[in-house]
Amino acid sequence: MYVNPTNQPSLEFIQAITDVTVSCIDKNSFRNIKENHPHLIQLDLLMTEYYAMWLEKRLFEFHTLNAIDRYKLLLLEQPDFIRHIPLTYIASYLGISLETLSRVRTKI
């Protein structure tokens, strides 16, 4: 079983912008549950693989697409985001300023 050798907290965090219900579990409890329920190990690995694939895609997009193309891709893949998420967060997600996002939106 993989154990984070540095035992450091993640540098990332998730912030909800709508009401949500969250369940939390500490690292040791999660490890114990996985030992007692081996099928959860596979689920944990699958989630890690999906995250790695998403992260690789996102990095590739940042390196290969300009701001307009990143915005168009977001519109194509997640059209609901534009309707439900404040533009400040959209700009941050795209790695651009709010002013740049405004210019991008007028060009499309």
Protein backbone atom coordinates (compact mmCIF):
# COMPACT_ATOMS: atom_id res chain seq x y z
CA MET A 1 0.00 0.00 0.00
CA TYR A 2 1.30 3.46 -0.93
CA VAL A 3 2.06 5.82 1.90
CA ASN A 4 2.97 9.44 1.22
CA PRO A 5 6.64 9.44 2.29
CA THR A 6 6.67 13.15 3.13
CA ASN A 7 3.40 12.99 5.07
CA GLN A 8 2.78 16.60 4.03
CA PRO A 9 -0.64 18.07 3.29
CA SER A 10 -1.59 18.73 -0.29
CA LEU A 11 -0.74 22.06 -1.86
CA GLU A 12 -4.19 22.08 -3.45
CA PHE A 13 -7.52 22.73 -1.86
CA ILE A 14 -11.12 22.63 -2.95
CA GLN A 15 -13.48 25.49 -2.27
CA ALA A 16 -17.21 25.05 -2.83
CA ILE A 17 -19.02 27.91 -4.50
CA THR A 18 -22.44 26.35 -3.94
CA ASP A 19 -23.99 24.54 -1.01
CA VAL A 20 -22.62 21.01 -0.73
CA THR A 21 -22.49 18.17 1.75
CA VAL A 22 -18.97 17.04 2.55
CA SER A 23 -17.77 13.93 4.33
CA CYS A 24 -14.25 13.83 5.71
CA ILE A 25 -12.02 11.07 6.97
CA ASP A 26 -8.50 11.28 8.34
CA LYS A 27 -5.63 9.57 6.58
CA ASN A 28 -5.12 6.77 9.13
CA SER A 29 -8.82 5.88 9.24
CA PHE A 30 -8.93 5.76 5.45
CA ARG A 31 -5.88 3.50 5.40
CA ASN A 32 -7.50 1.17 7.95
CA ILE A 33 -10.76 1.02 6.00
CA LYS A 34 -8.88 0.10 2.83
CA GLU A 35 -7.07 -2.70 4.67
CA ASN A 36 -10.41 -4.14 5.77
CA HIS A 37 -12.10 -3.58 2.39
CA PRO A 38 -9.56 -4.31 -0.40
CA HIS A 39 -11.99 -3.28 -3.16
CA LEU A 40 -11.57 0.29 -1.91
CA ILE A 41 -7.87 0.10 -2.77
CA GLN A 42 -8.84 -0.39 -6.41
CA LEU A 43 -11.29 2.51 -6.22
CA ASP A 44 -8.58 4.70 -4.68
CA LEU A 45 -6.15 3.75 -7.47
CA LEU A 46 -8.79 4.38 -10.13
CA MET A 47 -9.52 7.84 -8.74
CA THR A 48 -5.79 8.59 -8.65
CA GLU A 49 -5.44 7.47 -12.28
CA TYR A 50 -8.36 9.67 -13.37
CA TYR A 51 -6.86 12.63 -11.54
CA ALA A 52 -3.47 12.04 -13.17
CA MET A 53 -5.09 11.88 -16.62
CA TRP A 54 -7.11 15.05 -15.95
CA LEU A 55 -4.00 16.85 -14.71
CA GLU A 56 -1.93 15.75 -17.71
CA LYS A 57 -4.68 16.97 -20.09
CA ARG A 58 -4.88 20.29 -18.27
CA LEU A 59 -1.11 20.81 -18.39
CA PHE A 60 -1.07 19.93 -22.08
CA GLU A 61 -3.84 22.46 -22.74
CA PHE A 62 -1.95 25.20 -20.87
CA HIS A 63 1.16 24.51 -22.96
CA THR A 64 -0.53 24.18 -26.33
CA LEU A 65 -3.69 26.30 -26.33
CA ASN A 66 -4.05 30.04 -26.17
CA ALA A 67 -6.64 31.74 -23.95
CA ILE A 68 -9.30 31.79 -26.67
CA ASP A 69 -8.91 28.09 -27.42
CA ARG A 70 -8.93 27.18 -23.71
CA TYR A 71 -12.18 29.13 -23.28
CA LYS A 72 -13.72 27.49 -26.35
CA LEU A 73 -12.75 24.07 -25.02
CA LEU A 74 -14.36 24.89 -21.68
CA LEU A 75 -17.54 25.95 -23.49
CA LEU A 76 -17.52 22.70 -25.43
CA GLU A 77 -16.73 20.35 -22.53
CA GLN A 78 -18.46 22.13 -19.61
CA PRO A 79 -21.10 24.55 -20.93
CA ASP A 80 -22.89 24.68 -17.55
CA PHE A 81 -19.79 26.16 -15.91
CA ILE A 82 -20.28 29.45 -17.72
CA ARG A 83 -23.88 29.73 -16.49
CA HIS A 84 -23.23 28.79 -12.87
CA ILE A 85 -19.69 29.86 -11.97
CA PRO A 86 -18.63 33.50 -11.48
CA LEU A 87 -16.33 34.80 -14.20
CA THR A 88 -13.59 35.48 -11.66
CA TYR A 89 -13.33 31.75 -11.02
CA ILE A 90 -13.57 30.91 -14.73
CA ALA A 91 -10.64 33.24 -15.45
CA SER A 92 -8.61 31.68 -12.65
CA TYR A 93 -9.39 28.17 -13.92
CA LEU A 94 -8.25 29.19 -17.40
CA GLY A 95 -5.10 30.80 -16.03
CA ILE A 96 -5.95 34.25 -17.36
CA SER A 97 -6.94 37.59 -15.87
CA LEU A 98 -10.57 38.68 -15.67
CA GLU A 99 -9.75 41.43 -18.19
CA THR A 100 -8.35 38.87 -20.65
CA LEU A 101 -11.42 36.69 -20.18
CA SER A 102 -13.61 39.69 -20.99
CA ARG A 103 -11.65 40.30 -24.22
CA VAL A 104 -11.84 36.59 -25.10
CA ARG A 105 -15.60 36.52 -24.57
CA THR A 106 -16.13 39.53 -26.89
CA LYS A 107 -14.15 37.79 -29.66
CA ILE A 108 -16.31 34.67 -29.57
